[in-house]
N, C-alpha and C. Protein backbone atom coordinates (compact mmCIF):
# COMPACT_ATOMS: atom_id res chain seq x y z
N MET A 1 -118.09 -92.85 74.74
CA MET A 1 -118.94 -92.84 76.01
C MET A 1 -119.91 -91.91 76.01
N SER A 2 -120.81 -92.10 76.52
CA SER A 2 -122.66 -91.52 76.31
C SER A 2 -122.12 -90.40 77.34
N ALA A 3 -122.84 -89.64 76.95
CA ALA A 3 -123.04 -88.39 77.57
C ALA A 3 -124.38 -88.36 78.45
N ARG A 4 -124.28 -87.78 79.51
CA ARG A 4 -125.32 -87.59 80.53
C ARG A 4 -125.78 -86.10 80.57
N ARG A 5 -127.19 -85.81 80.61
CA ARG A 5 -127.63 -84.68 80.45
C ARG A 5 -128.54 -84.20 81.99
N VAL A 6 -128.01 -83.21 82.20
CA VAL A 6 -129.26 -82.50 83.05
C VAL A 6 -129.97 -81.36 82.56
N VAL A 7 -131.21 -81.36 83.01
CA VAL A 7 -132.14 -80.58 82.56
C VAL A 7 -132.66 -80.12 83.88
N ILE A 8 -132.70 -78.59 83.80
CA ILE A 8 -132.53 -77.56 84.99
C ILE A 8 -133.86 -76.76 84.59
N TRP A 9 -134.93 -76.82 85.82
CA TRP A 9 -136.21 -76.65 85.22
C TRP A 9 -136.54 -76.04 86.51
N ARG A 10 -137.02 -74.72 86.22
CA ARG A 10 -137.80 -73.38 87.06
C ARG A 10 -139.30 -73.68 87.24
N HIS A 11 -139.47 -73.89 88.35
CA HIS A 11 -141.17 -73.97 88.81
C HIS A 11 -142.22 -73.14 87.96
N GLY A 12 -143.01 -73.71 88.11
CA GLY A 12 -144.60 -72.87 87.35
C GLY A 12 -144.84 -71.75 87.81
N ARG A 13 -145.84 -70.83 87.49
CA ARG A 13 -145.96 -69.37 88.16
C ARG A 13 -146.49 -69.61 89.63
N THR A 14 -146.66 -68.74 90.27
CA THR A 14 -147.23 -68.39 91.81
C THR A 14 -147.75 -67.36 91.74
N ALA A 15 -148.53 -67.06 92.65
CA ALA A 15 -149.38 -65.79 92.85
C ALA A 15 -148.26 -64.27 93.17
N TRP A 16 -147.33 -65.01 93.78
CA TRP A 16 -146.37 -63.97 94.10
C TRP A 16 -145.21 -63.53 93.01
N ASN A 17 -145.26 -64.55 92.00
CA ASN A 17 -144.84 -64.18 91.15
C ASN A 17 -145.40 -63.49 90.16
N ALA A 18 -146.89 -63.41 90.05
CA ALA A 18 -147.78 -62.57 89.36
C ALA A 18 -147.79 -61.23 89.56
N GLU A 19 -147.53 -60.91 90.91
CA GLU A 19 -147.32 -60.05 92.16
C GLU A 19 -145.92 -59.34 92.10
N ARG A 20 -145.05 -59.81 91.36
CA ARG A 20 -143.71 -59.38 91.34
C ARG A 20 -143.29 -59.34 92.41
N ARG A 21 -143.37 -60.41 93.85
CA ARG A 21 -143.06 -60.20 95.11
C ARG A 21 -142.07 -60.90 95.18
N PHE A 22 -140.69 -60.70 95.98
CA PHE A 22 -139.39 -61.79 96.14
C PHE A 22 -140.33 -62.92 96.97
N GLN A 23 -139.83 -64.19 96.46
CA GLN A 23 -140.51 -65.16 97.33
C GLN A 23 -139.13 -65.55 98.06
N GLY A 24 -137.69 -66.05 97.63
CA GLY A 24 -136.66 -66.78 98.36
C GLY A 24 -137.15 -68.13 98.64
N GLN A 25 -136.77 -68.04 100.06
CA GLN A 25 -137.30 -69.47 100.65
C GLN A 25 -138.70 -69.41 101.13
N THR A 26 -139.55 -68.26 101.14
CA THR A 26 -141.06 -69.02 101.27
C THR A 26 -141.54 -69.48 100.58
N ASP A 27 -142.54 -70.36 101.38
CA ASP A 27 -142.96 -71.36 100.94
C ASP A 27 -144.55 -71.33 100.09
N VAL A 28 -144.42 -70.66 98.93
CA VAL A 28 -145.61 -70.57 97.99
C VAL A 28 -146.14 -71.49 97.30
N PRO A 29 -147.18 -71.72 97.03
CA PRO A 29 -147.59 -72.79 96.34
C PRO A 29 -147.62 -72.29 94.76
N LEU A 30 -147.94 -72.73 93.90
CA LEU A 30 -148.24 -72.60 92.45
C LEU A 30 -149.94 -72.36 92.18
N ASP A 31 -150.17 -71.36 91.67
CA ASP A 31 -151.48 -70.80 91.12
C ASP A 31 -152.23 -71.75 90.08
N GLU A 32 -152.99 -71.06 89.78
CA GLU A 32 -153.81 -72.24 88.42
C GLU A 32 -152.92 -72.25 87.43
N THR A 33 -152.26 -71.12 87.07
CA THR A 33 -151.63 -70.69 85.69
C THR A 33 -150.54 -71.95 85.83
N GLY A 34 -149.68 -71.65 87.15
CA GLY A 34 -148.69 -72.63 87.47
C GLY A 34 -148.47 -73.87 87.50
N LEU A 35 -149.56 -74.48 87.88
CA LEU A 35 -150.32 -76.10 87.56
C LEU A 35 -150.47 -76.48 86.15
N ALA A 36 -150.94 -75.24 85.19
CA ALA A 36 -151.16 -75.81 84.09
C ALA A 36 -149.91 -75.49 83.28
N GLN A 37 -148.82 -74.68 83.71
CA GLN A 37 -147.85 -74.63 82.95
C GLN A 37 -147.00 -75.96 83.34
N ALA A 38 -147.07 -76.53 84.58
CA ALA A 38 -146.04 -77.84 84.79
C ALA A 38 -146.61 -78.60 84.10
N GLU A 39 -147.99 -78.83 83.80
CA GLU A 39 -148.34 -80.31 82.95
C GLU A 39 -147.96 -80.10 81.61
N ALA A 40 -147.83 -78.74 81.27
CA ALA A 40 -147.81 -78.50 79.74
C ALA A 40 -145.94 -78.97 79.81
N ALA A 41 -145.28 -78.63 80.40
CA ALA A 41 -144.11 -78.64 80.61
C ALA A 41 -143.69 -80.07 80.64
N ALA A 42 -143.90 -80.77 81.74
CA ALA A 42 -143.69 -81.99 81.83
C ALA A 42 -144.29 -83.16 80.83
N GLU A 43 -145.39 -82.73 79.46
CA GLU A 43 -145.49 -83.49 78.48
C GLU A 43 -144.67 -83.50 77.73
N ALA A 44 -144.21 -82.40 77.60
CA ALA A 44 -142.73 -82.10 76.66
C ALA A 44 -141.73 -82.93 77.18
N LEU A 45 -141.51 -82.63 78.40
CA LEU A 45 -139.95 -83.18 79.17
C LEU A 45 -140.19 -84.78 79.20
N ALA A 46 -141.16 -85.15 79.42
CA ALA A 46 -141.39 -86.88 79.61
C ALA A 46 -140.75 -87.59 78.21
N HIS A 47 -140.60 -86.90 76.97
CA HIS A 47 -139.97 -87.45 75.76
C HIS A 47 -138.69 -87.48 75.89
N LEU A 48 -137.83 -86.96 77.03
CA LEU A 48 -136.28 -86.96 77.35
C LEU A 48 -136.30 -88.02 78.17
N ARG A 49 -137.10 -88.86 78.46
CA ARG A 49 -136.97 -90.01 79.26
C ARG A 49 -136.05 -90.10 80.39
N PRO A 50 -136.60 -89.26 81.16
CA PRO A 50 -135.69 -89.30 82.35
C PRO A 50 -135.42 -90.36 83.34
N TYR A 51 -134.22 -90.11 83.44
CA TYR A 51 -133.74 -91.47 84.97
C TYR A 51 -134.15 -91.14 86.48
N ARG A 52 -133.67 -89.81 86.42
CA ARG A 52 -133.96 -89.37 87.99
C ARG A 52 -134.71 -88.04 87.92
N ILE A 53 -135.52 -88.07 89.03
CA ILE A 53 -136.23 -86.30 89.23
C ILE A 53 -135.66 -86.11 90.87
N ILE A 54 -135.04 -84.92 90.83
CA ILE A 54 -134.94 -84.34 92.04
C ILE A 54 -135.40 -82.93 92.10
N SER A 55 -135.67 -82.39 93.05
CA SER A 55 -136.49 -81.47 93.44
C SER A 55 -136.41 -80.70 94.93
N SER A 56 -136.37 -79.49 94.59
CA SER A 56 -136.14 -78.69 96.03
C SER A 56 -137.39 -79.04 96.74
N ASP A 57 -137.48 -78.71 98.08
CA ASP A 57 -138.47 -79.23 98.90
C ASP A 57 -139.70 -78.45 98.94
N LEU A 58 -139.56 -77.08 98.29
CA LEU A 58 -140.53 -75.94 98.37
C LEU A 58 -141.43 -76.85 97.44
N ALA A 59 -142.97 -75.91 97.80
CA ALA A 59 -144.11 -76.75 97.25
C ALA A 59 -144.26 -76.53 95.85
N ARG A 60 -143.86 -75.01 95.30
CA ARG A 60 -143.80 -74.48 94.15
C ARG A 60 -142.85 -75.57 93.25
N ALA A 61 -142.04 -76.04 93.54
CA ALA A 61 -140.81 -76.67 92.67
C ALA A 61 -141.29 -78.09 92.83
N HIS A 62 -141.75 -78.71 94.18
CA HIS A 62 -142.05 -79.94 94.02
C HIS A 62 -143.12 -80.38 93.17
N SER A 63 -144.30 -79.28 93.45
CA SER A 63 -145.62 -79.65 92.60
C SER A 63 -145.09 -79.62 91.42
N THR A 64 -144.34 -78.82 90.83
CA THR A 64 -143.74 -78.93 89.24
C THR A 64 -143.11 -80.31 89.34
N ALA A 65 -142.43 -81.17 89.78
CA ALA A 65 -141.61 -82.10 89.48
C ALA A 65 -142.65 -83.04 89.54
N LEU A 66 -143.61 -83.03 90.26
CA LEU A 66 -144.67 -84.39 90.55
C LEU A 66 -145.59 -84.19 89.00
N ALA A 67 -145.55 -83.19 88.60
CA ALA A 67 -146.46 -83.45 87.00
C ALA A 67 -145.56 -84.60 86.07
N LEU A 68 -144.58 -84.10 86.20
CA LEU A 68 -143.53 -84.84 85.23
C LEU A 68 -143.22 -86.06 85.91
N ALA A 69 -143.20 -86.44 87.17
CA ALA A 69 -143.05 -87.96 87.93
C ALA A 69 -143.96 -88.51 87.80
N ARG A 70 -145.50 -88.44 87.69
CA ARG A 70 -146.65 -89.04 86.95
C ARG A 70 -146.84 -89.63 85.47
N ARG A 71 -145.91 -88.69 84.95
CA ARG A 71 -146.25 -89.34 83.75
C ARG A 71 -145.04 -90.51 83.19
N VAL A 72 -143.81 -90.26 83.92
CA VAL A 72 -142.71 -91.12 83.56
C VAL A 72 -142.75 -92.26 84.94
N ALA A 73 -143.44 -92.34 85.71
CA ALA A 73 -143.52 -93.47 86.67
C ALA A 73 -142.17 -93.47 87.60
N LEU A 74 -141.92 -91.91 88.11
CA LEU A 74 -140.72 -91.98 88.55
C LEU A 74 -141.07 -91.01 90.16
N GLU A 75 -139.96 -91.41 91.23
CA GLU A 75 -140.35 -90.86 92.42
C GLU A 75 -139.88 -89.38 92.03
N VAL A 76 -140.15 -88.82 92.76
CA VAL A 76 -139.20 -87.02 93.04
C VAL A 76 -138.70 -87.47 94.62
N GLU A 77 -137.35 -87.08 94.19
CA GLU A 77 -136.19 -87.09 95.39
C GLU A 77 -136.15 -85.67 95.63
N VAL A 78 -136.36 -85.35 97.43
CA VAL A 78 -136.42 -83.97 97.34
C VAL A 78 -135.17 -83.79 97.91
N ASP A 79 -134.56 -82.53 97.71
CA ASP A 79 -133.30 -82.22 98.45
C ASP A 79 -133.04 -80.69 98.66
N PRO A 80 -133.00 -80.29 99.92
CA PRO A 80 -133.28 -78.56 100.31
C PRO A 80 -132.16 -78.10 100.24
N ASP A 81 -131.19 -78.41 99.74
CA ASP A 81 -130.09 -77.54 98.89
C ASP A 81 -130.51 -77.18 97.65
N LEU A 82 -131.70 -77.44 96.96
CA LEU A 82 -132.32 -77.03 95.50
C LEU A 82 -133.30 -76.02 95.63
N ARG A 83 -132.83 -75.12 97.09
CA ARG A 83 -134.26 -74.49 97.36
C ARG A 83 -133.55 -72.88 96.51
N GLU A 84 -134.54 -72.08 96.75
CA GLU A 84 -134.14 -70.66 96.13
C GLU A 84 -133.33 -69.89 97.03
N THR A 85 -132.36 -68.85 96.33
CA THR A 85 -132.04 -68.03 97.69
C THR A 85 -132.47 -67.85 98.83
N PHE A 86 -132.14 -67.88 99.92
CA PHE A 86 -132.38 -67.15 101.52
C PHE A 86 -132.47 -65.59 101.03
N ALA A 87 -133.16 -64.70 101.56
CA ALA A 87 -133.13 -63.39 100.98
C ALA A 87 -133.38 -62.48 102.45
N GLY A 88 -133.64 -62.98 103.45
CA GLY A 88 -133.60 -62.28 104.55
C GLY A 88 -135.13 -61.66 104.51
N GLN A 89 -134.94 -60.18 104.72
CA GLN A 89 -135.54 -58.99 105.15
C GLN A 89 -136.54 -58.70 103.46
N TRP A 90 -135.80 -59.28 102.52
CA TRP A 90 -136.47 -58.93 101.31
C TRP A 90 -137.60 -60.08 101.17
N GLN A 91 -137.51 -61.17 101.50
CA GLN A 91 -138.56 -61.93 101.23
C GLN A 91 -140.10 -61.31 101.83
N GLY A 92 -140.77 -61.45 100.69
CA GLY A 92 -142.34 -60.95 100.76
C GLY A 92 -142.61 -59.37 100.36
N LEU A 93 -141.36 -58.96 99.74
CA LEU A 93 -141.33 -57.62 99.03
C LEU A 93 -141.55 -57.42 97.97
N SER A 94 -142.56 -56.38 97.45
CA SER A 94 -142.87 -56.31 96.10
C SER A 94 -141.80 -55.56 95.44
N ARG A 95 -141.80 -55.45 93.81
CA ARG A 95 -140.41 -55.20 93.62
C ARG A 95 -140.59 -53.76 93.55
N GLN A 96 -141.58 -52.93 93.77
CA GLN A 96 -141.69 -51.72 94.08
C GLN A 96 -141.08 -51.38 95.44
N GLU A 97 -141.40 -51.87 96.44
CA GLU A 97 -140.92 -51.86 98.09
C GLU A 97 -139.50 -51.92 97.65
N LEU A 98 -139.08 -53.07 97.34
CA LEU A 98 -137.85 -53.25 97.48
C LEU A 98 -136.72 -52.21 96.42
N GLU A 99 -137.36 -51.44 95.48
CA GLU A 99 -136.70 -50.35 94.65
C GLU A 99 -136.59 -49.30 95.90
N GLU A 100 -137.80 -48.95 96.37
CA GLU A 100 -137.69 -47.81 97.38
C GLU A 100 -137.07 -47.89 98.92
N ARG A 101 -136.92 -49.37 99.08
CA ARG A 101 -136.24 -49.22 100.60
C ARG A 101 -134.90 -50.00 100.54
N PHE A 102 -134.31 -50.40 99.41
CA PHE A 102 -133.15 -51.10 99.27
C PHE A 102 -132.39 -50.77 97.87
N GLY A 103 -132.98 -49.70 97.19
CA GLY A 103 -132.75 -49.47 95.93
C GLY A 103 -131.17 -49.99 95.16
N ASP A 104 -130.13 -49.14 96.11
CA ASP A 104 -128.81 -49.19 95.72
C ASP A 104 -128.42 -51.13 96.04
N ASP A 105 -128.69 -51.45 97.27
CA ASP A 105 -128.30 -52.77 97.25
C ASP A 105 -128.91 -53.96 96.51
N LEU A 106 -130.26 -53.74 95.89
CA LEU A 106 -131.10 -54.41 94.86
C LEU A 106 -130.53 -53.91 93.68
N ALA A 107 -129.99 -53.03 92.95
CA ALA A 107 -129.21 -53.06 91.89
C ALA A 107 -127.94 -53.58 91.64
N ARG A 108 -126.91 -53.88 92.87
CA ARG A 108 -125.94 -54.09 92.83
C ARG A 108 -125.95 -55.74 93.16
N TRP A 109 -127.05 -56.12 93.67
CA TRP A 109 -127.19 -57.68 93.50
C TRP A 109 -127.71 -58.00 92.17
N ALA A 110 -128.61 -57.41 91.63
CA ALA A 110 -129.02 -57.79 90.29
C ALA A 110 -127.95 -57.80 89.00
N SER A 111 -126.94 -56.92 89.35
CA SER A 111 -125.91 -56.84 88.27
C SER A 111 -124.77 -57.96 89.06
N GLY A 112 -124.82 -58.80 89.91
CA GLY A 112 -124.03 -59.81 90.11
C GLY A 112 -123.20 -59.40 91.16
N SER A 113 -123.38 -58.48 91.70
CA SER A 113 -122.36 -58.42 92.72
C SER A 113 -122.41 -59.31 94.07
N ASP A 114 -121.36 -59.70 94.70
CA ASP A 114 -121.73 -60.94 95.59
C ASP A 114 -121.89 -59.96 96.88
N ILE A 115 -123.36 -59.78 96.96
CA ILE A 115 -123.66 -59.22 98.26
C ILE A 115 -124.73 -60.36 99.05
N ARG A 116 -125.48 -59.98 100.26
CA ARG A 116 -126.37 -60.81 101.01
C ARG A 116 -127.83 -59.69 100.70
N PRO A 117 -128.38 -60.42 99.52
CA PRO A 117 -129.80 -59.85 99.38
C PRO A 117 -130.70 -60.24 100.72
N GLY A 118 -131.06 -58.92 101.49
CA GLY A 118 -131.61 -58.60 102.87
C GLY A 118 -130.93 -59.77 103.86
N GLY A 119 -129.34 -59.74 103.69
CA GLY A 119 -129.03 -60.32 104.96
C GLY A 119 -128.99 -61.64 104.63
N GLY A 120 -129.11 -62.24 103.26
CA GLY A 120 -129.49 -63.70 103.24
C GLY A 120 -128.22 -64.69 102.50
N GLU A 121 -128.25 -64.88 101.70
CA GLU A 121 -127.13 -65.62 100.99
C GLU A 121 -126.51 -65.11 99.72
N THR A 122 -125.12 -65.43 99.42
CA THR A 122 -124.72 -64.73 98.40
C THR A 122 -125.00 -65.61 97.09
N ARG A 123 -124.88 -65.27 95.96
CA ARG A 123 -125.23 -66.21 94.59
C ARG A 123 -124.06 -67.24 94.93
N VAL A 124 -122.81 -67.00 95.26
CA VAL A 124 -121.82 -68.33 95.35
C VAL A 124 -122.35 -69.28 96.08
N GLU A 125 -122.77 -68.85 97.38
CA GLU A 125 -123.07 -70.02 98.49
C GLU A 125 -124.49 -70.41 97.81
N VAL A 126 -125.50 -69.93 97.08
CA VAL A 126 -126.37 -70.73 96.78
C VAL A 126 -126.04 -71.95 95.15
N ALA A 127 -125.21 -71.31 94.48
CA ALA A 127 -124.50 -72.30 93.53
C ALA A 127 -123.65 -73.51 93.96
N ASP A 128 -122.71 -73.10 95.52
CA ASP A 128 -122.20 -74.08 95.96
C ASP A 128 -122.89 -75.28 96.18
N ARG A 129 -124.27 -74.94 97.27
CA ARG A 129 -125.15 -76.01 97.27
C ARG A 129 -125.69 -76.44 96.35
N MET A 130 -126.28 -76.00 95.27
CA MET A 130 -126.87 -76.27 94.13
C MET A 130 -126.29 -77.52 93.24
N VAL A 131 -124.90 -77.06 93.25
CA VAL A 131 -123.96 -78.10 92.54
C VAL A 131 -123.46 -79.30 93.08
N ALA A 132 -123.87 -79.03 94.65
CA ALA A 132 -123.44 -80.05 95.24
C ALA A 132 -124.70 -81.30 95.30
N ALA A 133 -125.82 -80.87 95.25
CA ALA A 133 -127.04 -81.67 95.05
C ALA A 133 -127.09 -82.35 94.15
N ILE A 134 -126.48 -81.48 92.61
CA ILE A 134 -126.48 -81.87 91.70
C ILE A 134 -125.83 -83.34 91.31
N ASP A 135 -124.64 -82.89 91.90
CA ASP A 135 -123.40 -84.17 91.93
C ASP A 135 -123.94 -85.07 92.90
N ARG A 136 -124.67 -84.78 93.85
CA ARG A 136 -124.43 -85.93 94.93
C ARG A 136 -125.79 -87.02 93.95
N ALA A 137 -126.95 -86.55 93.14
CA ALA A 137 -127.55 -87.12 91.96
C ALA A 137 -126.91 -88.14 90.70
N LEU A 138 -126.20 -86.93 90.35
CA LEU A 138 -125.26 -87.64 89.38
C LEU A 138 -124.41 -88.57 89.59
N ALA A 139 -123.86 -88.87 90.90
CA ALA A 139 -123.26 -90.23 91.32
C ALA A 139 -123.86 -91.41 91.10
N GLU A 140 -125.16 -91.45 91.09
CA GLU A 140 -125.98 -92.64 90.89
C GLU A 140 -126.77 -92.39 89.89
N THR A 141 -126.65 -91.56 88.64
CA THR A 141 -127.19 -91.52 87.45
C THR A 141 -125.94 -91.93 86.13
N PRO A 142 -126.26 -93.32 85.49
CA PRO A 142 -125.52 -93.99 84.79
C PRO A 142 -125.58 -92.79 83.70
N ARG A 143 -124.27 -93.41 82.57
CA ARG A 143 -123.74 -92.46 81.45
C ARG A 143 -124.81 -92.66 80.35
N GLY A 144 -125.30 -91.68 79.96
CA GLY A 144 -126.25 -91.68 78.49
C GLY A 144 -127.64 -91.46 79.28
N ARG A 145 -127.80 -90.93 80.51
CA ARG A 145 -129.22 -90.85 80.96
C ARG A 145 -129.62 -89.28 81.20
N THR A 146 -130.49 -88.89 81.75
CA THR A 146 -130.89 -87.42 82.21
C THR A 146 -131.46 -87.06 83.63
N LEU A 147 -131.15 -86.22 84.07
CA LEU A 147 -131.24 -85.94 85.54
C LEU A 147 -132.26 -85.04 85.37
N VAL A 148 -133.04 -84.68 85.65
CA VAL A 148 -134.52 -83.35 85.76
C VAL A 148 -134.09 -82.95 87.23
N VAL A 149 -133.75 -81.40 87.28
CA VAL A 149 -133.70 -80.89 88.44
C VAL A 149 -134.80 -79.88 88.73
N ALA A 150 -135.85 -79.97 89.05
CA ALA A 150 -136.65 -79.20 89.67
C ALA A 150 -136.41 -77.84 90.72
N THR A 151 -136.43 -76.70 90.41
CA THR A 151 -135.50 -76.07 91.42
C THR A 151 -136.18 -74.71 91.10
N HIS A 152 -135.39 -73.27 91.06
CA HIS A 152 -136.04 -71.97 91.02
C HIS A 152 -135.09 -71.38 90.54
N GLY A 153 -135.87 -69.81 89.90
CA GLY A 153 -135.23 -69.54 88.97
C GLY A 153 -133.47 -68.62 89.34
N GLY A 154 -133.46 -68.14 90.31
CA GLY A 154 -132.51 -67.29 90.94
C GLY A 154 -131.16 -68.72 91.17
N ALA A 155 -131.51 -69.93 91.98
CA ALA A 155 -130.84 -70.74 92.00
C ALA A 155 -130.37 -71.50 90.85
N ALA A 156 -131.51 -71.50 89.94
CA ALA A 156 -131.16 -72.53 88.79
C ALA A 156 -129.55 -71.56 87.96
N ARG A 157 -130.12 -69.94 87.42
CA ARG A 157 -129.12 -69.36 86.93
C ARG A 157 -127.37 -69.69 87.72
N ALA A 158 -127.78 -69.50 89.07
CA ALA A 158 -126.22 -69.51 89.61
C ALA A 158 -125.66 -71.14 89.34
N ALA A 159 -126.50 -72.16 89.58
CA ALA A 159 -126.02 -73.25 88.93
C ALA A 159 -125.39 -73.50 87.64
N ILE A 160 -126.39 -73.03 87.15
CA ILE A 160 -125.76 -73.13 85.17
C ILE A 160 -124.23 -72.37 85.32
N GLY A 161 -124.26 -71.00 86.08
CA GLY A 161 -122.89 -70.49 85.64
C GLY A 161 -122.01 -70.99 85.93
N ALA A 162 -122.10 -71.39 87.63
CA ALA A 162 -121.05 -72.38 87.87
C ALA A 162 -120.65 -73.72 87.46
N MET A 163 -121.78 -74.40 86.67
CA MET A 163 -121.41 -75.88 86.14
C MET A 163 -120.74 -75.49 84.86
N ILE A 164 -121.21 -74.19 83.76
CA ILE A 164 -120.45 -74.33 82.77
C ILE A 164 -119.11 -73.30 82.76
N GLY A 165 -118.80 -73.06 84.03
CA GLY A 165 -117.26 -72.41 84.53
C GLY A 165 -117.34 -70.91 84.32
N LEU A 166 -118.42 -70.35 84.27
CA LEU A 166 -118.43 -69.09 84.04
C LEU A 166 -117.96 -68.10 85.42
N PRO A 167 -117.06 -67.10 85.21
CA PRO A 167 -116.59 -66.68 86.63
C PRO A 167 -118.04 -65.77 87.47
N PRO A 168 -118.34 -65.96 88.36
CA PRO A 168 -119.33 -65.43 89.42
C PRO A 168 -119.74 -63.85 88.91
N GLU A 169 -119.06 -63.02 88.40
CA GLU A 169 -119.01 -61.95 87.92
C GLU A 169 -119.85 -61.60 86.41
N TYR A 170 -120.04 -62.87 86.06
CA TYR A 170 -120.55 -63.28 84.51
C TYR A 170 -121.67 -63.82 84.43
N TRP A 171 -122.07 -64.35 85.80
CA TRP A 171 -123.22 -64.96 86.16
C TRP A 171 -124.65 -63.97 85.48
N ALA A 172 -124.65 -62.70 85.81
CA ALA A 172 -125.60 -62.21 85.27
C ALA A 172 -126.07 -61.83 84.18
N GLY A 173 -125.10 -62.20 83.04
CA GLY A 173 -125.23 -62.19 81.83
C GLY A 173 -126.39 -63.48 81.30
N LEU A 174 -126.64 -64.51 82.02
CA LEU A 174 -127.50 -65.36 81.86
C LEU A 174 -128.74 -64.85 82.54
N GLY A 175 -129.78 -64.68 81.05
CA GLY A 175 -131.07 -64.14 81.37
C GLY A 175 -131.71 -64.30 82.48
N VAL A 176 -132.94 -63.59 82.84
CA VAL A 176 -133.88 -64.17 83.86
C VAL A 176 -134.64 -65.40 82.93
N LEU A 177 -134.95 -66.46 84.19
CA LEU A 177 -136.01 -67.77 83.52
C LEU A 177 -137.23 -67.55 83.61
N THR A 178 -137.88 -67.91 82.43
CA THR A 178 -139.27 -68.15 82.29
C THR A 178 -139.76 -69.07 83.66
N ASN A 179 -141.06 -68.57 84.20
CA ASN A 179 -141.44 -69.89 84.57
C ASN A 179 -141.74 -71.00 83.75
N CYS A 180 -141.48 -71.89 84.59
CA CYS A 180 -141.31 -73.92 83.81
C CYS A 180 -140.70 -73.59 82.70
N ALA A 181 -139.99 -72.69 82.37
CA ALA A 181 -138.65 -73.15 81.52
C ALA A 181 -137.62 -73.92 81.89
N TRP A 182 -136.87 -74.51 81.09
CA TRP A 182 -135.98 -75.43 81.59
C TRP A 182 -134.46 -75.15 80.47
N SER A 183 -133.36 -75.43 81.01
CA SER A 183 -131.94 -75.30 80.60
C SER A 183 -131.47 -76.63 80.53
N VAL A 184 -130.70 -77.12 79.62
CA VAL A 184 -130.33 -78.33 79.19
C VAL A 184 -128.63 -78.17 79.03
N LEU A 185 -128.04 -79.01 80.25
CA LEU A 185 -126.72 -79.14 79.92
C LEU A 185 -126.13 -80.31 79.74
N GLN A 186 -125.29 -80.73 79.12
CA GLN A 186 -124.80 -81.90 78.26
C GLN A 186 -123.25 -82.01 78.80
N GLU A 187 -122.94 -82.89 79.28
CA GLU A 187 -121.55 -83.76 79.72
C GLU A 187 -120.66 -83.80 78.67
N ASN A 188 -119.48 -82.60 79.02
CA ASN A 188 -118.59 -82.91 77.98
C ASN A 188 -117.57 -83.93 78.11
N VAL A 189 -117.74 -84.91 77.33
CA VAL A 189 -117.10 -86.40 77.74
C VAL A 189 -115.70 -86.13 76.52
N SER A 190 -115.27 -85.14 75.96
CA SER A 190 -114.18 -85.17 74.96
C SER A 190 -112.81 -84.87 75.93
N GLY A 191 -112.83 -84.70 77.27
CA GLY A 191 -111.70 -84.77 77.91
C GLY A 191 -111.31 -82.97 77.84
N TYR A 192 -111.55 -82.03 77.09
CA TYR A 192 -111.37 -80.78 76.86
C TYR A 192 -112.37 -79.99 77.02
N GLY A 193 -111.97 -78.84 77.58
CA GLY A 193 -112.90 -77.59 78.13
C GLY A 193 -113.37 -77.94 79.19
N PRO A 194 -114.44 -77.43 79.48
CA PRO A 194 -115.45 -77.45 80.61
C PRO A 194 -116.27 -78.61 80.87
N PRO A 195 -116.62 -79.34 81.91
CA PRO A 195 -117.19 -80.47 81.84
C PRO A 195 -118.62 -80.26 81.85
N TRP A 196 -119.37 -79.36 81.87
CA TRP A 196 -120.56 -79.09 80.91
C TRP A 196 -120.74 -78.14 79.99
N ARG A 197 -121.82 -78.60 79.12
CA ARG A 197 -121.85 -77.61 77.85
C ARG A 197 -123.25 -77.18 77.71
N LEU A 198 -123.91 -75.65 77.62
CA LEU A 198 -125.18 -75.48 78.11
C LEU A 198 -125.55 -75.56 76.38
N GLN A 199 -126.50 -76.66 76.11
CA GLN A 199 -127.36 -76.83 75.11
C GLN A 199 -128.50 -76.18 74.47
N GLU A 200 -129.29 -75.45 76.01
CA GLU A 200 -130.73 -75.04 75.44
C GLU A 200 -130.54 -74.23 76.99
N TYR A 201 -131.16 -72.97 76.96
CA TYR A 201 -131.44 -71.77 78.07
C TYR A 201 -132.48 -71.64 77.65
N ASN A 202 -133.29 -71.33 78.93
CA ASN A 202 -134.50 -71.09 79.23
C ASN A 202 -135.74 -71.28 78.05
N ALA A 203 -135.41 -72.52 77.64
CA ALA A 203 -136.17 -73.16 76.61
C ALA A 203 -137.88 -73.90 77.26
N GLY A 204 -138.87 -73.93 76.35
CA GLY A 204 -140.01 -74.40 75.97
C GLY A 204 -140.24 -75.24 75.00
N SER A 205 -138.95 -75.87 74.69
CA SER A 205 -139.21 -76.69 73.36
C SER A 205 -138.24 -77.79 73.71
N LEU A 206 -138.11 -78.94 72.82
CA LEU A 206 -137.03 -80.29 73.42
C LEU A 206 -135.77 -79.76 72.51
N PRO A 207 -134.34 -80.14 73.01
CA PRO A 207 -133.43 -80.18 72.18
C PRO A 207 -133.03 -80.68 71.23
N VAL A 208 -132.80 -80.23 69.73
CA VAL A 208 -132.39 -80.87 68.70
C VAL A 208 -130.92 -81.15 68.47
N THR A 209 -130.92 -82.60 67.78
CA THR A 209 -129.28 -82.74 68.07
C THR A 209 -128.77 -82.04 66.87
N ALA A 210 -127.34 -81.37 67.21
CA ALA A 210 -127.04 -80.00 66.53
C ALA A 210 -125.31 -80.99 65.82
N LEU A 211 -125.20 -80.31 64.51
CA LEU A 211 -123.67 -80.71 64.39
C LEU A 211 -122.97 -79.63 64.66
N ALA A 212 -121.47 -79.99 64.73
CA ALA A 212 -120.46 -78.92 65.13
C ALA A 212 -120.73 -77.67 64.07
N ASP A 213 -120.34 -76.71 64.84
CA ASP A 213 -120.71 -75.08 64.33
C ASP A 213 -119.78 -74.95 63.08
N ASP A 214 -118.92 -75.68 62.89
CA ASP A 214 -117.87 -75.42 61.72
C ASP A 214 -118.09 -76.48 60.57
N ARG A 215 -119.10 -77.18 60.52
CA ARG A 215 -119.79 -77.80 59.58
C ARG A 215 -120.79 -77.17 58.70
């Protein structure tokens, strides 16, 4: 049985990324660097011959997805459930402002505590909607094909943690994703272990077929 692949792809850089400003669900577009990052990443990801491309409806993720869609002659299917974490009153604040005004909560949230940043969503809530969106797309993705998911850094980490079966308190062990980097999950068709295996994380190069690690 052929395994499906899911490529979870963070959007390119925005001006707020460069300023270390918390974006959340604020609709900030890609800057010039981000547009160039999207084109370069799309050139590589096109070699995976994606079957479907789904994207957050926020401009920075959608523009990133379009760079790939143009190369592989696919439509981008938009799903708002792929948005970044809603972070309420934290959105728009710089890192320094967050540390000054919400230092304790910021530290707890960054370490994986199940709190609501700025009164917004918990990481588990974000993971639940992300995985639901990915599952909907997979329901119409044949065996052996690749689904590309253009989304956001925090939402991507939560989805990956959930898909590989990590308890939520360990999701913080997944490193911060670089702008326009991707992670590759491969369906586990063996019938043993978690349903998805993490093949690449925070990557900028294509996956290489690996032999079992005991060979």
